C-alpha atoms as a PDB file:
ATOM      1  CA  UNK A   1       0.000   0.000   0.000  1.00  0.00           C
ATOM      2  CA  UNK A   2       1.272   3.479  -0.794  1.00  0.00           C
ATOM      3  CA  UNK A   3       0.054   6.899   0.159  1.00  0.00           C
ATOM      4  CA  UNK A   4       1.068  10.440  -0.552  1.00  0.00           C
ATOM      5  CA  UNK A   5       3.189  12.374   1.921  1.00  0.00           C
ATOM      6  CA  UNK A   6       1.224  14.321   4.495  1.00  0.00           C
ATOM      7  CA  UNK A   7       0.746  18.007   3.923  1.00  0.00           C
ATOM      8  CA  UNK A   8       2.958  19.864   6.374  1.00  0.00           C
ATOM      9  CA  UNK A   9       1.079  20.117   9.665  1.00  0.00           C
ATOM     10  CA  UNK A  10       1.201  23.813  10.392  1.00  0.00           C
ATOM     11  CA  UNK A  11      -1.750  24.384  12.692  1.00  0.00           C
ATOM     12  CA  UNK A  12      -0.247  26.676  15.351  1.00  0.00           C
ATOM     13  CA  UNK A  13       0.944  25.561  18.773  1.00  0.00           C
ATOM     14  CA  UNK A  14      -0.122  21.927  18.582  1.00  0.00           C
ATOM     15  CA  UNK A  15       1.481  19.609  21.102  1.00  0.00           C
ATOM     16  CA  UNK A  16       2.530  16.466  19.347  1.00  0.00           C
ATOM     17  CA  UNK A  17       1.631  13.075  20.761  1.00  0.00           C
ATOM     18  CA  UNK A  18       4.298  10.952  22.388  1.00  0.00           C
ATOM     19  CA  UNK A  19       6.138   8.733  19.949  1.00  0.00           C
ATOM     20  CA  UNK A  20       5.375   5.268  21.196  1.00  0.00           C
ATOM     21  CA  UNK A  21       7.320   2.281  19.858  1.00  0.00           C
ATOM     22  CA  UNK A  22       9.288   4.169  17.249  1.00  0.00           C
ATOM     23  CA  UNK A  23      11.751   1.924  15.415  1.00  0.00           C
ATOM     24  CA  UNK A  24      14.389   2.087  12.710  1.00  0.00           C
ATOM     25  CA  UNK A  25      12.522   0.065  10.104  1.00  0.00           C
ATOM     26  CA  UNK A  26      11.729   1.896   6.871  1.00  0.00           C
ATOM     27  CA  UNK A  27       8.603   1.417   4.777  1.00  0.00           C
ATOM     28  CA  UNK A  28       8.148   2.222   1.121  1.00  0.00           C
ATOM     29  CA  UNK A  29       5.514   4.911   0.665  1.00  0.00           C
ATOM     30  CA  UNK A  30       5.955   5.676  -3.029  1.00  0.00           C
ATOM     31  CA  UNK A  31       7.424   4.013  -6.090  1.00  0.00           C
ATOM     32  CA  UNK A  32       7.375   6.100  -9.250  1.00  0.00           C
ATOM     33  CA  UNK A  33       8.554   4.758 -12.602  1.00  0.00           C
ATOM     34  CA  UNK A  34       9.436   7.747 -14.739  1.00  0.00           C
ATOM     35  CA  UNK A  35       7.858   7.881 -18.169  1.00  0.00           C
ATOM     36  CA  UNK A  36      10.113   7.476 -21.199  1.00  0.00           C
ATOM     37  CA  UNK A  37       9.068  10.912 -22.466  1.00  0.00           C
ATOM     38  CA  UNK A  38       9.968  12.744 -19.246  1.00  0.00           C
ATOM     39  CA  UNK A  39      12.136  15.823 -19.793  1.00  0.00           C
ATOM     40  CA  UNK A  40      15.096  16.486 -17.512  1.00  0.00           C
ATOM     41  CA  UNK A  41      13.767  18.082 -14.329  1.00  0.00           C
ATOM     42  CA  UNK A  42      15.055  18.609 -10.788  1.00  0.00           C
ATOM     43  CA  UNK A  43      13.718  15.871  -8.535  1.00  0.00           C
ATOM     44  CA  UNK A  44      12.265  18.268  -5.967  1.00  0.00           C
ATOM     45  CA  UNK A  45      10.224  19.989  -8.671  1.00  0.00           C
ATOM     46  CA  UNK A  46       9.283  16.633 -10.192  1.00  0.00           C
ATOM     47  CA  UNK A  47       7.938  15.378  -6.857  1.00  0.00           C
ATOM     48  CA  UNK A  48       6.064  18.619  -6.225  1.00  0.00           C
ATOM     49  CA  UNK A  49       4.177  18.013  -9.450  1.00  0.00           C
ATOM     50  CA  UNK A  50       3.597  14.313  -8.900  1.00  0.00           C
ATOM     51  CA  UNK A  51       2.639  14.376  -5.217  1.00  0.00           C
ATOM     52  CA  UNK A  52      -0.289  16.719  -4.826  1.00  0.00           C
ATOM     53  CA  UNK A  53      -1.083  18.125  -1.370  1.00  0.00           C
ATOM     54  CA  UNK A  54       2.570  17.762  -0.375  1.00  0.00           C
ATOM     55  CA  UNK A  55       4.608  20.743   0.794  1.00  0.00           C
ATOM     56  CA  UNK A  56       8.038  21.662  -0.527  1.00  0.00           C
ATOM     57  CA  UNK A  57       9.353  21.409   3.033  1.00  0.00           C
ATOM     58  CA  UNK A  58       8.191  17.812   3.358  1.00  0.00           C
ATOM     59  CA  UNK A  59       9.889  16.865   0.108  1.00  0.00           C
ATOM     60  CA  UNK A  60      13.124  18.652   1.019  1.00  0.00           C
ATOM     61  CA  UNK A  61      13.199  17.009   4.441  1.00  0.00           C
ATOM     62  CA  UNK A  62      12.730  13.590   2.862  1.00  0.00           C
ATOM     63  CA  UNK A  63      15.577  14.261   0.424  1.00  0.00           C
ATOM     64  CA  UNK A  64      17.866  15.524   3.206  1.00  0.00           C
ATOM     65  CA  UNK A  65      17.135  12.365   5.211  1.00  0.00           C
ATOM     66  CA  UNK A  66      18.076  10.241   2.161  1.00  0.00           C
ATOM     67  CA  UNK A  67      14.539   8.892   2.150  1.00  0.00           C
ATOM     68  CA  UNK A  68      14.267   9.724  -1.555  1.00  0.00           C
ATOM     69  CA  UNK A  69      16.238   7.355  -3.769  1.00  0.00           C
ATOM     70  CA  UNK A  70      16.609   7.032  -7.503  1.00  0.00           C
ATOM     71  CA  UNK A  71      17.494   3.606  -8.795  1.00  0.00           C
ATOM     72  CA  UNK A  72      18.203   2.521  -5.199  1.00  0.00           C
ATOM     73  CA  UNK A  73      20.621   5.375  -4.471  1.00  0.00           C
ATOM     74  CA  UNK A  74      19.978   8.569  -2.447  1.00  0.00           C
ATOM     75  CA  UNK A  75      20.067  11.787  -4.427  1.00  0.00           C
ATOM     76  CA  UNK A  76      20.294  15.530  -3.779  1.00  0.00           C
ATOM     77  CA  UNK A  77      17.616  18.091  -4.562  1.00  0.00           C
ATOM     78  CA  UNK A  78      19.371  19.150  -7.748  1.00  0.00           C
ATOM     79  CA  UNK A  79      19.342  15.639  -9.245  1.00  0.00           C
ATOM     80  CA  UNK A  80      17.661  15.751 -12.647  1.00  0.00           C
ATOM     81  CA  UNK A  81      15.082  13.061 -13.234  1.00  0.00           C
ATOM     82  CA  UNK A  82      15.584  11.089 -16.461  1.00  0.00           C
ATOM     83  CA  UNK A  83      13.346   8.750 -18.444  1.00  0.00           C
ATOM     84  CA  UNK A  84      12.979   5.279 -16.923  1.00  0.00           C
ATOM     85  CA  UNK A  85      14.294   6.329 -13.486  1.00  0.00           C
ATOM     86  CA  UNK A  86      12.697   4.492 -10.564  1.00  0.00           C
ATOM     87  CA  UNK A  87      12.067   6.824  -7.655  1.00  0.00           C
ATOM     88  CA  UNK A  88      11.216   5.476  -4.197  1.00  0.00           C
ATOM     89  CA  UNK A  89      10.370   7.283  -0.981  1.00  0.00           C
ATOM     90  CA  UNK A  90      10.798   5.388   2.297  1.00  0.00           C
ATOM     91  CA  UNK A  91       9.844   6.683   5.730  1.00  0.00           C
ATOM     92  CA  UNK A  92      10.027   5.359   9.320  1.00  0.00           C
ATOM     93  CA  UNK A  93       6.284   4.744   9.605  1.00  0.00           C
ATOM     94  CA  UNK A  94       4.243   2.472   7.370  1.00  0.00           C
ATOM     95  CA  UNK A  95       1.770   4.067   4.953  1.00  0.00           C
ATOM     96  CA  UNK A  96      -1.482   4.696   6.763  1.00  0.00           C
ATOM     97  CA  UNK A  97      -5.143   4.763   5.961  1.00  0.00           C
ATOM     98  CA  UNK A  98      -6.414   8.227   6.841  1.00  0.00           C
ATOM     99  CA  UNK A  99      -9.868   6.964   7.838  1.00  0.00           C
ATOM    100  CA  UNK A 100     -10.592   7.148  11.550  1.00  0.00           C
ATOM    101  CA  UNK A 101     -12.786   4.288  12.720  1.00  0.00           C
ATOM    102  CA  UNK A 102     -15.529   5.273  15.208  1.00  0.00           C
ATOM    103  CA  UNK A 103     -15.220   3.389  18.499  1.00  0.00           C
ATOM    104  CA  UNK A 104     -17.665   3.487  21.437  1.00  0.00           C
ATOM    105  CA  UNK A 105     -15.955   5.125  24.394  1.00  0.00           C
ATOM    106  CA  UNK A 106     -17.023   6.409  27.802  1.00  0.00           C
ATOM    107  CA  UNK A 107     -15.944  10.035  27.375  1.00  0.00           C
ATOM    108  CA  UNK A 108     -15.911  12.373  30.373  1.00  0.00           C
ATOM    109  CA  UNK A 109     -17.551  15.344  28.655  1.00  0.00           C
ATOM    110  CA  UNK A 110     -17.816  18.408  30.904  1.00  0.00           C
ATOM    111  CA  UNK A 111     -19.513  20.768  28.434  1.00  0.00           C
ATOM    112  CA  UNK A 112     -20.972  20.587  24.943  1.00  0.00           C
ATOM    113  CA  UNK A 113     -22.841  22.890  22.571  1.00  0.00           C
ATOM    114  CA  UNK A 114     -23.233  23.101  18.805  1.00  0.00           C
ATOM    115  CA  UNK A 115     -19.724  24.547  18.313  1.00  0.00           C
ATOM    116  CA  UNK A 116     -17.454  22.758  20.771  1.00  0.00           C
ATOM    117  CA  UNK A 117     -17.124  20.347  23.633  1.00  0.00           C
ATOM    118  CA  UNK A 118     -14.842  20.058  26.645  1.00  0.00           C
ATOM    119  CA  UNK A 119     -13.534  16.617  27.549  1.00  0.00           C
ATOM    120  CA  UNK A 120     -11.628  15.577  30.666  1.00  0.00           C
ATOM    121  CA  UNK A 121      -9.037  13.131  29.347  1.00  0.00           C
ATOM    122  CA  UNK A 122      -7.851  10.422  31.752  1.00  0.00           C
ATOM    123  CA  UNK A 123      -4.193   9.495  32.015  1.00  0.00           C
ATOM    124  CA  UNK A 124      -3.293   6.579  29.750  1.00  0.00           C
ATOM    125  CA  UNK A 125      -5.549   7.595  26.866  1.00  0.00           C
ATOM    126  CA  UNK A 126      -3.745   8.508  23.631  1.00  0.00           C
ATOM    127  CA  UNK A 127      -5.261  11.603  22.033  1.00  0.00           C
ATOM    128  CA  UNK A 128      -4.433  11.051  18.380  1.00  0.00           C
ATOM    129  CA  UNK A 129      -3.980   7.953  16.195  1.00  0.00           C
ATOM    130  CA  UNK A 130      -0.327   7.385  15.357  1.00  0.00           C
ATOM    131  CA  UNK A 131       2.131   4.572  14.722  1.00  0.00           C
ATOM    132  CA  UNK A 132       1.485   1.923  17.374  1.00  0.00           C
ATOM    133  CA  UNK A 133      -1.811   3.508  18.451  1.00  0.00           C
ATOM    134  CA  UNK A 134      -4.237   3.357  15.534  1.00  0.00           C
ATOM    135  CA  UNK A 135      -7.217   2.374  17.703  1.00  0.00           C
ATOM    136  CA  UNK A 136      -8.586   3.177  21.133  1.00  0.00           C
ATOM    137  CA  UNK A 137      -7.614   6.850  21.007  1.00  0.00           C
ATOM    138  CA  UNK A 138      -9.634   9.865  22.063  1.00  0.00           C
ATOM    139  CA  UNK A 139     -10.151  10.740  18.405  1.00  0.00           C
ATOM    140  CA  UNK A 140     -11.713   7.317  17.770  1.00  0.00           C
ATOM    141  CA  UNK A 141     -14.119   7.960  20.639  1.00  0.00           C
ATOM    142  CA  UNK A 142     -14.914  11.472  19.430  1.00  0.00           C
ATOM    143  CA  UNK A 143     -15.631  10.185  15.941  1.00  0.00           C
ATOM    144  CA  UNK A 144     -18.175   7.800  17.427  1.00  0.00           C
ATOM    145  CA  UNK A 145     -19.700  10.450  19.673  1.00  0.00           C
ATOM    146  CA  UNK A 146     -20.008  13.061  16.953  1.00  0.00           C
ATOM    147  CA  UNK A 147     -20.704  12.529  13.283  1.00  0.00           C
ATOM    148  CA  UNK A 148     -19.044  14.722  10.643  1.00  0.00           C
ATOM    149  CA  UNK A 149     -16.312  16.154  12.831  1.00  0.00           C
ATOM    150  CA  UNK A 150     -14.052  18.549  10.906  1.00  0.00           C
ATOM    151  CA  UNK A 151     -10.717  16.931  10.091  1.00  0.00           C
ATOM    152  CA  UNK A 152      -8.461  19.962  10.022  1.00  0.00           C
ATOM    153  CA  UNK A 153      -6.416  20.640   6.916  1.00  0.00           C
ATOM    154  CA  UNK A 154      -6.287  18.421   3.841  1.00  0.00           C
ATOM    155  CA  UNK A 155      -8.090  15.604   5.618  1.00  0.00           C
ATOM    156  CA  UNK A 156      -5.348  14.563   8.045  1.00  0.00           C
ATOM    157  CA  UNK A 157      -6.331  12.548  11.104  1.00  0.00           C
ATOM    158  CA  UNK A 158      -7.204  15.390  13.431  1.00  0.00           C
ATOM    159  CA  UNK A 159     -10.997  15.416  13.879  1.00  0.00           C
ATOM    160  CA  UNK A 160     -11.892  18.404  16.023  1.00  0.00           C
ATOM    161  CA  UNK A 161      -8.429  18.763  17.556  1.00  0.00           C
ATOM    162  CA  UNK A 162      -6.819  22.164  18.016  1.00  0.00           C
ATOM    163  CA  UNK A 163      -4.346  21.062  20.729  1.00  0.00           C
ATOM    164  CA  UNK A 164      -3.164  17.900  22.444  1.00  0.00           C
ATOM    165  CA  UNK A 165      -1.786  16.609  25.717  1.00  0.00           C
ATOM    166  CA  UNK A 166       0.471  13.614  26.295  1.00  0.00           C
ATOM    167  CA  UNK A 167      -0.875  10.105  26.755  1.00  0.00           C
ATOM    168  CA  UNK A 168      -0.079  10.007  30.487  1.00  0.00           C
ATOM    169  CA  UNK A 169      -1.138  13.590  31.214  1.00  0.00           C
ATOM    170  CA  UNK A 170      -4.686  14.036  32.465  1.00  0.00           C
ATOM    171  CA  UNK A 171      -7.048  16.959  32.074  1.00  0.00           C
ATOM    172  CA  UNK A 172      -8.982  19.278  29.808  1.00  0.00           C
ATOM    173  CA  UNK A 173      -9.087  19.410  26.029  1.00  0.00           C
ATOM    174  CA  UNK A 174     -11.318  21.626  23.896  1.00  0.00           C
ATOM    175  CA  UNK A 175     -12.720  20.074  20.726  1.00  0.00           C
ATOM    176  CA  UNK A 176     -14.018  22.091  17.771  1.00  0.00           C
ATOM    177  CA  UNK A 177     -17.159  20.597  16.229  1.00  0.00           C
ATOM    178  CA  UNK A 178     -17.219  22.832  13.137  1.00  0.00           C
ATOM    179  CA  UNK A 179     -14.597  24.185  10.750  1.00  0.00           C
ATOM    180  CA  UNK A 180     -15.334  27.699  12.022  1.00  0.00           C
ATOM    181  CA  UNK A 181     -14.839  26.635  15.632  1.00  0.00           C
ATOM    182  CA  UNK A 182     -11.571  24.866  14.832  1.00  0.00           C
ATOM    183  CA  UNK A 183     -10.210  27.866  12.961  1.00  0.00           C
ATOM    184  CA  UNK A 184     -11.284  30.331  15.645  1.00  0.00           C
ATOM    185  CA  UNK A 185      -9.827  28.252  18.495  1.00  0.00           C
ATOM    186  CA  UNK A 186      -6.614  27.559  16.558  1.00  0.00           C
ATOM    187  CA  UNK A 187      -6.121  31.288  16.075  1.00  0.00           C
ATOM    188  CA  UNK A 188      -6.507  31.840  19.804  1.00  0.00           C
ATOM    189  CA  UNK A 189      -3.790  29.273  20.473  1.00  0.00           C
ATOM    190  CA  UNK A 190      -1.587  30.901  17.835  1.00  0.00           C
ATOM    191  CA  UNK A 191      -1.956  34.364  19.391  1.00  0.00           C
ATOM    192  CA  UNK A 192      -1.469  33.015  22.957  1.00  0.00           C
ATOM    193  CA  UNK A 193      -4.849  34.300  24.133  1.00  0.00           C
ATOM    194  CA  UNK A 194      -6.028  30.943  25.481  1.00  0.00           C
ATOM    195  CA  UNK A 195      -5.388  30.494  29.197  1.00  0.00           C
ATOM    196  CA  UNK A 196      -3.921  27.070  29.965  1.00  0.00           C
ATOM    197  CA  UNK A 197      -3.158  26.108  33.557  1.00  0.00           C
ATOM    198  CA  UNK A 198      -1.458  22.867  34.572  1.00  0.00           C
ATOM    199  CA  UNK A 199      -0.634  21.418  37.963  1.00  0.00           C
ATOM    200  CA  UNK A 200       2.647  19.544  38.277  1.00  0.00           C
ATOM    201  CA  UNK A 201       4.332  17.782  41.175  1.00  0.00           C
ATOM    202  CA  UNK A 202       8.070  18.286  40.737  1.00  0.00           C
ATOM    203  CA  UNK A 203      11.175  17.082  42.518  1.00  0.00           C
ATOM    204  CA  UNK A 204      12.814  19.600  44.833  1.00  0.00           C
ATOM    205  CA  UNK A 205      11.914  23.153  45.782  1.00  0.00           C
ATOM    206  CA  UNK A 206      12.621  25.841  43.147  1.00  0.00           C
ATOM    207  CA  UNK A 207      14.756  28.739  44.417  1.00  0.00           C
ATOM    208  CA  UNK A 208      12.275  31.243  43.056  1.00  0.00           C
ATOM    209  CA  UNK A 209       8.649  30.854  44.099  1.00  0.00           C
ATOM    210  CA  UNK A 210       7.579  31.971  40.638  1.00  0.00           C
ATOM    211  CA  UNK A 211       9.235  32.685  37.346  1.00  0.00           C
ATOM    212  CA  UNK A 212       9.370  32.213  33.591  1.00  0.00           C
ATOM    213  CA  UNK A 213      11.312  29.538  31.744  1.00  0.00           C
ATOM    214  CA  UNK A 214      12.311  30.483  28.213  1.00  0.00           C
ATOM    215  CA  UNK A 215      14.262  28.063  26.060  1.00  0.00           C
ATOM    216  CA  UNK A 216      13.888  26.574  22.596  1.00  0.00           C
ATOM    217  CA  UNK A 217      12.610  22.994  22.635  1.00  0.00           C
ATOM    218  CA  UNK A 218      13.495  20.387  20.033  1.00  0.00           C
ATOM    219  CA  UNK A 219      14.444  16.756  19.632  1.00  0.00           C
ATOM    220  CA  UNK A 220      17.454  15.851  21.751  1.00  0.00           C
ATOM    221  CA  UNK A 221      20.727  15.340  19.895  1.00  0.00           C
ATOM    222  CA  UNK A 222      21.734  12.575  22.318  1.00  0.00           C
ATOM    223  CA  UNK A 223      18.391  10.741  22.386  1.00  0.00           C
ATOM    224  CA  UNK A 224      15.953  11.383  19.552  1.00  0.00           C
ATOM    225  CA  UNK A 225      13.051   9.886  21.536  1.00  0.00           C
ATOM    226  CA  UNK A 226      12.982  12.802  23.974  1.00  0.00           C
ATOM    227  CA  UNK A 227      12.922  16.587  23.775  1.00  0.00           C
ATOM    228  CA  UNK A 228      15.590  18.958  25.063  1.00  0.00           C
ATOM    229  CA  UNK A 229      16.131  22.659  25.698  1.00  0.00           C
ATOM    230  CA  UNK A 230      18.504  24.608  23.465  1.00  0.00           C
ATOM    231  CA  UNK A 231      19.269  27.784  25.468  1.00  0.00           C
ATOM    232  CA  UNK A 232      21.179  29.483  22.667  1.00  0.00           C
ATOM    233  CA  UNK A 233      18.118  29.398  20.436  1.00  0.00           C
ATOM    234  CA  UNK A 234      19.920  28.001  17.418  1.00  0.00           C
ATOM    235  CA  UNK A 235      17.834  24.823  17.403  1.00  0.00           C
ATOM    236  CA  UNK A 236      14.288  23.808  18.326  1.00  0.00           C
ATOM    237  CA  UNK A 237      11.232  26.033  18.601  1.00  0.00           C
ATOM    238  CA  UNK A 238      10.623  29.017  20.863  1.00  0.00           C
ATOM    239  CA  UNK A 239       8.943  27.944  24.119  1.00  0.00           C
ATOM    240  CA  UNK A 240       7.820  29.860  27.206  1.00  0.00           C
ATOM    241  CA  UNK A 241       6.443  28.432  30.466  1.00  0.00           C
ATOM    242  CA  UNK A 242       5.354  30.526  33.474  1.00  0.00           C
ATOM    243  CA  UNK A 243       5.414  28.736  36.832  1.00  0.00           C
ATOM    244  CA  UNK A 244       4.386  29.408  40.425  1.00  0.00           C
ATOM    245  CA  UNK A 245       5.111  27.248  43.470  1.00  0.00           C
ATOM    246  CA  UNK A 246       1.844  26.533  45.311  1.00  0.00           C
ATOM    247  CA  UNK A 247       3.013  24.178  48.090  1.00  0.00           C
ATOM    248  CA  UNK A 248       6.211  22.458  49.173  1.00  0.00           C
ATOM    249  CA  UNK A 249       6.514  19.040  50.838  1.00  0.00           C
ATOM    250  CA  UNK A 250      10.134  18.643  52.020  1.00  0.00           C
ATOM    251  CA  UNK A 251      11.493  17.115  48.822  1.00  0.00           C
ATOM    252  CA  UNK A 252       8.806  17.870  46.211  1.00  0.00           C
ATOM    253  CA  UNK A 253       6.704  20.875  45.230  1.00  0.00           C
ATOM    254  CA  UNK A 254       3.265  21.406  43.761  1.00  0.00           C
ATOM    255  CA  UNK A 255       3.708  23.872  40.921  1.00  0.00           C
ATOM    256  CA  UNK A 256       1.224  25.732  38.735  1.00  0.00           C
ATOM    257  CA  UNK A 257       2.356  26.085  35.128  1.00  0.00           C
ATOM    258  CA  UNK A 258       0.845  28.344  32.495  1.00  0.00           C
ATOM    259  CA  UNK A 259       1.787  27.758  28.891  1.00  0.00           C
ATOM    260  CA  UNK A 260       2.514  30.627  26.561  1.00  0.00           C
ATOM    261  CA  UNK A 261       3.491  28.222  23.785  1.00  0.00           C
ATOM    262  CA  UNK A 262       2.607  24.567  23.207  1.00  0.00           C
ATOM    263  CA  UNK A 263       5.626  22.421  22.369  1.00  0.00           C
ATOM    264  CA  UNK A 264       5.979  18.671  22.730  1.00  0.00           C
ATOM    265  CA  UNK A 265       6.506  17.782  26.428  1.00  0.00           C
ATOM    266  CA  UNK A 266       7.042  21.490  27.142  1.00  0.00           C
ATOM    267  CA  UNK A 267       6.398  21.538  30.903  1.00  0.00           C
ATOM    268  CA  UNK A 268       8.238  18.266  31.447  1.00  0.00           C
ATOM    269  CA  UNK A 269      11.287  19.471  29.520  1.00  0.00           C
ATOM    270  CA  UNK A 270      11.360  22.993  30.960  1.00  0.00           C
ATOM    271  CA  UNK A 271      11.047  21.825  34.575  1.00  0.00           C
ATOM    272  CA  UNK A 272      13.848  19.311  34.080  1.00  0.00           C
ATOM    273  CA  UNK A 273      15.928  22.077  32.517  1.00  0.00           C
ATOM    274  CA  UNK A 274      15.807  24.097  35.754  1.00  0.00           C
ATOM    275  CA  UNK A 275      16.616  21.036  37.855  1.00  0.00           C
ATOM    276  CA  UNK A 276      13.119  19.945  38.879  1.00  0.00           C
ATOM    277  CA  UNK A 277      11.850  16.989  36.806  1.00  0.00           C
ATOM    278  CA  UNK A 278       8.229  15.962  37.237  1.00  0.00           C
ATOM    279  CA  UNK A 279       7.622  13.337  39.896  1.00  0.00           C
ATOM    280  CA  UNK A 280       7.339   9.810  38.437  1.00  0.00           C
ATOM    281  CA  UNK A 281       8.249  10.969  34.903  1.00  0.00           C
ATOM    282  CA  UNK A 282      10.215   7.992  33.560  1.00  0.00           C
ATOM    283  CA  UNK A 283      11.026   9.721  30.269  1.00  0.00           C
ATOM    284  CA  UNK A 284      12.809  12.647  31.910  1.00  0.00           C
ATOM    285  CA  UNK A 285      14.386  10.974  34.943  1.00  0.00           C
ATOM    286  CA  UNK A 286      11.732  11.672  37.561  1.00  0.00           C
ATOM    287  CA  UNK A 287      11.020   8.028  38.374  1.00  0.00           C
ATOM    288  CA  UNK A 288      13.819   7.702  40.929  1.00  0.00           C
ATOM    289  CA  UNK A 289      14.745   9.459  44.159  1.00  0.00           C
ATOM    290  CA  UNK A 290      16.240  12.802  43.167  1.00  0.00           C
ATOM    291  CA  UNK A 291      16.006  14.643  46.508  1.00  0.00           C
ATOM    292  CA  UNK A 292      16.409  13.170  50.002  1.00  0.00           C
ATOM    293  CA  UNK A 293      17.973   9.909  51.162  1.00  0.00           C
ATOM    294  CA  UNK A 294      18.042   7.121  48.601  1.00  0.00           C
ATOM    295  CA  UNK A 295      17.877   4.311  51.140  1.00  0.00           C
ATOM    296  CA  UNK A 296      15.803   3.138  54.085  1.00  0.00           C
ATOM    297  CA  UNK A 297      12.291   4.154  55.030  1.00  0.00           C
ATOM    298  CA  UNK A 298      12.299   7.265  52.847  1.00  0.00           C
ATOM    299  CA  UNK A 299      13.106   5.299  49.704  1.00  0.00           C
ATOM    300  CA  UNK A 300      10.367   2.806  50.590  1.00  0.00           C
ATOM    301  CA  UNK A 301       7.953   5.724  50.966  1.00  0.00           C
ATOM    302  CA  UNK A 302       8.925   7.139  47.561  1.00  0.00           C
ATOM    303  CA  UNK A 303       8.627   3.728  45.908  1.00  0.00           C
ATOM    304  CA  UNK A 304       5.115   3.447  47.304  1.00  0.00           C
ATOM    305  CA  UNK A 305       4.301   6.921  45.967  1.00  0.00           C
ATOM    306  CA  UNK A 306       5.503   5.818  42.526  1.00  0.00           C
ATOM    307  CA  UNK A 307       3.100   2.868  42.702  1.00  0.00           C
ATOM    308  CA  UNK A 308       0.238   5.202  43.602  1.00  0.00           C
ATOM    309  CA  UNK A 309       1.070   7.434  40.635  1.00  0.00           C
ATOM    310  CA  UNK A 310       2.959   5.424  38.001  1.00  0.00           C
ATOM    311  CA  UNK A 311       2.989   8.241  35.438  1.00  0.00           C
ATOM    312  CA  UNK A 312       4.221  11.827  35.257  1.00  0.00           C
ATOM    313  CA  UNK A 313       2.476  14.059  37.798  1.00  0.00           C
ATOM    314  CA  UNK A 314       0.938  16.486  35.331  1.00  0.00           C
ATOM    315  CA  UNK A 315      -2.689  17.570  35.041  1.00  0.00           C
ATOM    316  CA  UNK A 316      -4.294  20.068  32.636  1.00  0.00           C
ATOM    317  CA  UNK A 317      -6.436  21.798  35.251  1.00  0.00           C
ATOM    318  CA  UNK A 318      -8.123  24.649  33.379  1.00  0.00           C
ATOM    319  CA  UNK A 319      -8.793  26.238  30.002  1.00  0.00           C
ATOM    320  CA  UNK A 320     -10.063  29.712  29.247  1.00  0.00           C
ATOM    321  CA  UNK A 321     -10.960  31.073  25.810  1.00  0.00           C
ATOM    322  CA  UNK A 322     -13.443  33.098  23.780  1.00  0.00           C
ATOM    323  CA  UNK A 323     -16.373  31.105  22.435  1.00  0.00           C
ATOM    324  CA  UNK A 324     -16.014  30.916  18.627  1.00  0.00           C
ATOM    325  CA  UNK A 325     -19.684  31.686  17.981  1.00  0.00           C
ATOM    326  CA  UNK A 326     -20.997  33.788  20.857  1.00  0.00           C
ATOM    327  CA  UNK A 327     -17.840  35.715  21.704  1.00  0.00           C
ATOM    328  CA  UNK A 328     -18.410  34.993  25.402  1.00  0.00           C
ATOM    329  CA  UNK A 329     -15.448  34.316  27.676  1.00  0.00           C
ATOM    330  CA  UNK A 330     -15.475  30.635  28.667  1.00  0.00           C
ATOM    331  CA  UNK A 331     -13.596  29.216  31.652  1.00  0.00           C
ATOM    332  CA  UNK A 332     -13.435  25.530  32.586  1.00  0.00           C
ATOM    333  CA  UNK A 333     -11.702  23.718  35.423  1.00  0.00           C
ATOM    334  CA  UNK A 334     -11.515  20.058  36.448  1.00  0.00           C
ATOM    335  CA  UNK A 335     -10.530  18.415  39.703  1.00  0.00           C
ATOM    336  CA  UNK A 336      -7.368  16.399  40.203  1.00  0.00           C
ATOM    337  CA  UNK A 337      -7.716  12.722  39.255  1.00  0.00           C
ATOM    338  CA  UNK A 338      -7.563  10.094  41.993  1.00  0.00           C
ATOM    339  CA  UNK A 339      -3.905   9.130  41.523  1.00  0.00           C
ATOM    340  CA  UNK A 340      -2.683  12.746  41.635  1.00  0.00           C
ATOM    341  CA  UNK A 341      -4.829  13.623  44.665  1.00  0.00           C
ATOM    342  CA  UNK A 342      -3.667  10.464  46.453  1.00  0.00           C
ATOM    343  CA  UNK A 343       0.028  11.093  45.907  1.00  0.00           C
ATOM    344  CA  UNK A 344      -0.399  14.656  47.167  1.00  0.00           C
ATOM    345  CA  UNK A 345      -2.006  13.302  50.350  1.00  0.00           C
ATOM    346  CA  UNK A 346       0.974  11.002  50.838  1.00  0.00           C
ATOM    347  CA  UNK A 347       3.467  13.838  50.521  1.00  0.00           C
ATOM    348  CA  UNK A 348       1.423  16.161  52.731  1.00  0.00           C
ATOM    349  CA  UNK A 349       1.374  13.525  55.463  1.00  0.00           C
ATOM    350  CA  UNK A 350       5.100  12.844  55.036  1.00  0.00           C
ATOM    351  CA  UNK A 351       5.960  16.554  55.255  1.00  0.00           C
ATOM    352  CA  UNK A 352       3.770  17.032  58.340  1.00  0.00           C
ATOM    353  CA  UNK A 353       5.433  14.126  60.136  1.00  0.00           C
ATOM    354  CA  UNK A 354       8.918  15.238  59.117  1.00  0.00           C
ATOM    355  CA  UNK A 355       8.494  18.812  60.353  1.00  0.00           C
END
């Protein structure tokens, strides 16, 4: 099966889903046998003509990654296609069917009208179909709940979505039910007018009780499965997180985070960057004792806390925005899920006994 390259996904400020089970295997997406009457033409221009709905950036990136080969050899952008050439494009993920299958799902919907709905996503639920998670995602459930959801741009698998949160992050998501609602909400994300508040339990006690973390975020050079901060700004994308310490519990702190931008794993990466990884965040080193004694009763206590909350301690608590149809200011807030509330109780009790 082959499919055309995706159109570049340029909806503003979308958090990408976690990349689960990514491997090194390559899959053939396209095989083009050049006609015998083809005139000499640069391969990037040739592919732009042959692959409709594909951006120049996507093609250039594929060429730079040596994913575009002619007669089984990688070529540069200035290679001139000749008659009878065989062009192949191989990518890390297999070609996909862009249809989203509706699946019955018990969605925790907190508000719904003709333009949008608010859903409280539980930890463990993947938002968006992707390699390794084609079924059982929030989008599959939304497709079942609502017929004729808008799919974003050029039909990609994004029914109703204007932002995302990680699989193991809980909390609020706003879903656009019409093209107008999606566009209006996306513009609010782009212009940073949407209020997004998260609660995070982090290791340690920040020196400043509140502050702003600014640092470009991009794929780590050392480990491509995680994100990293590039302070010099020569790599990654601009990212800004505002934080405020709400409570401290000896060796951990409850922190409020407000996003100005929406990069992949932004809060998790920024908090690690300032020395305070999220509690129980295995991806960014928070799933071991980082502050306090690493032996004895304290370690046993922490291990028990990890069992109570075996995922990063991050919850999308509130969302505020302008309604795309009425123009009214909307504000939504959800309570902490059971695991987060329980681990906070453990730390509160520990801090009280230790003081």
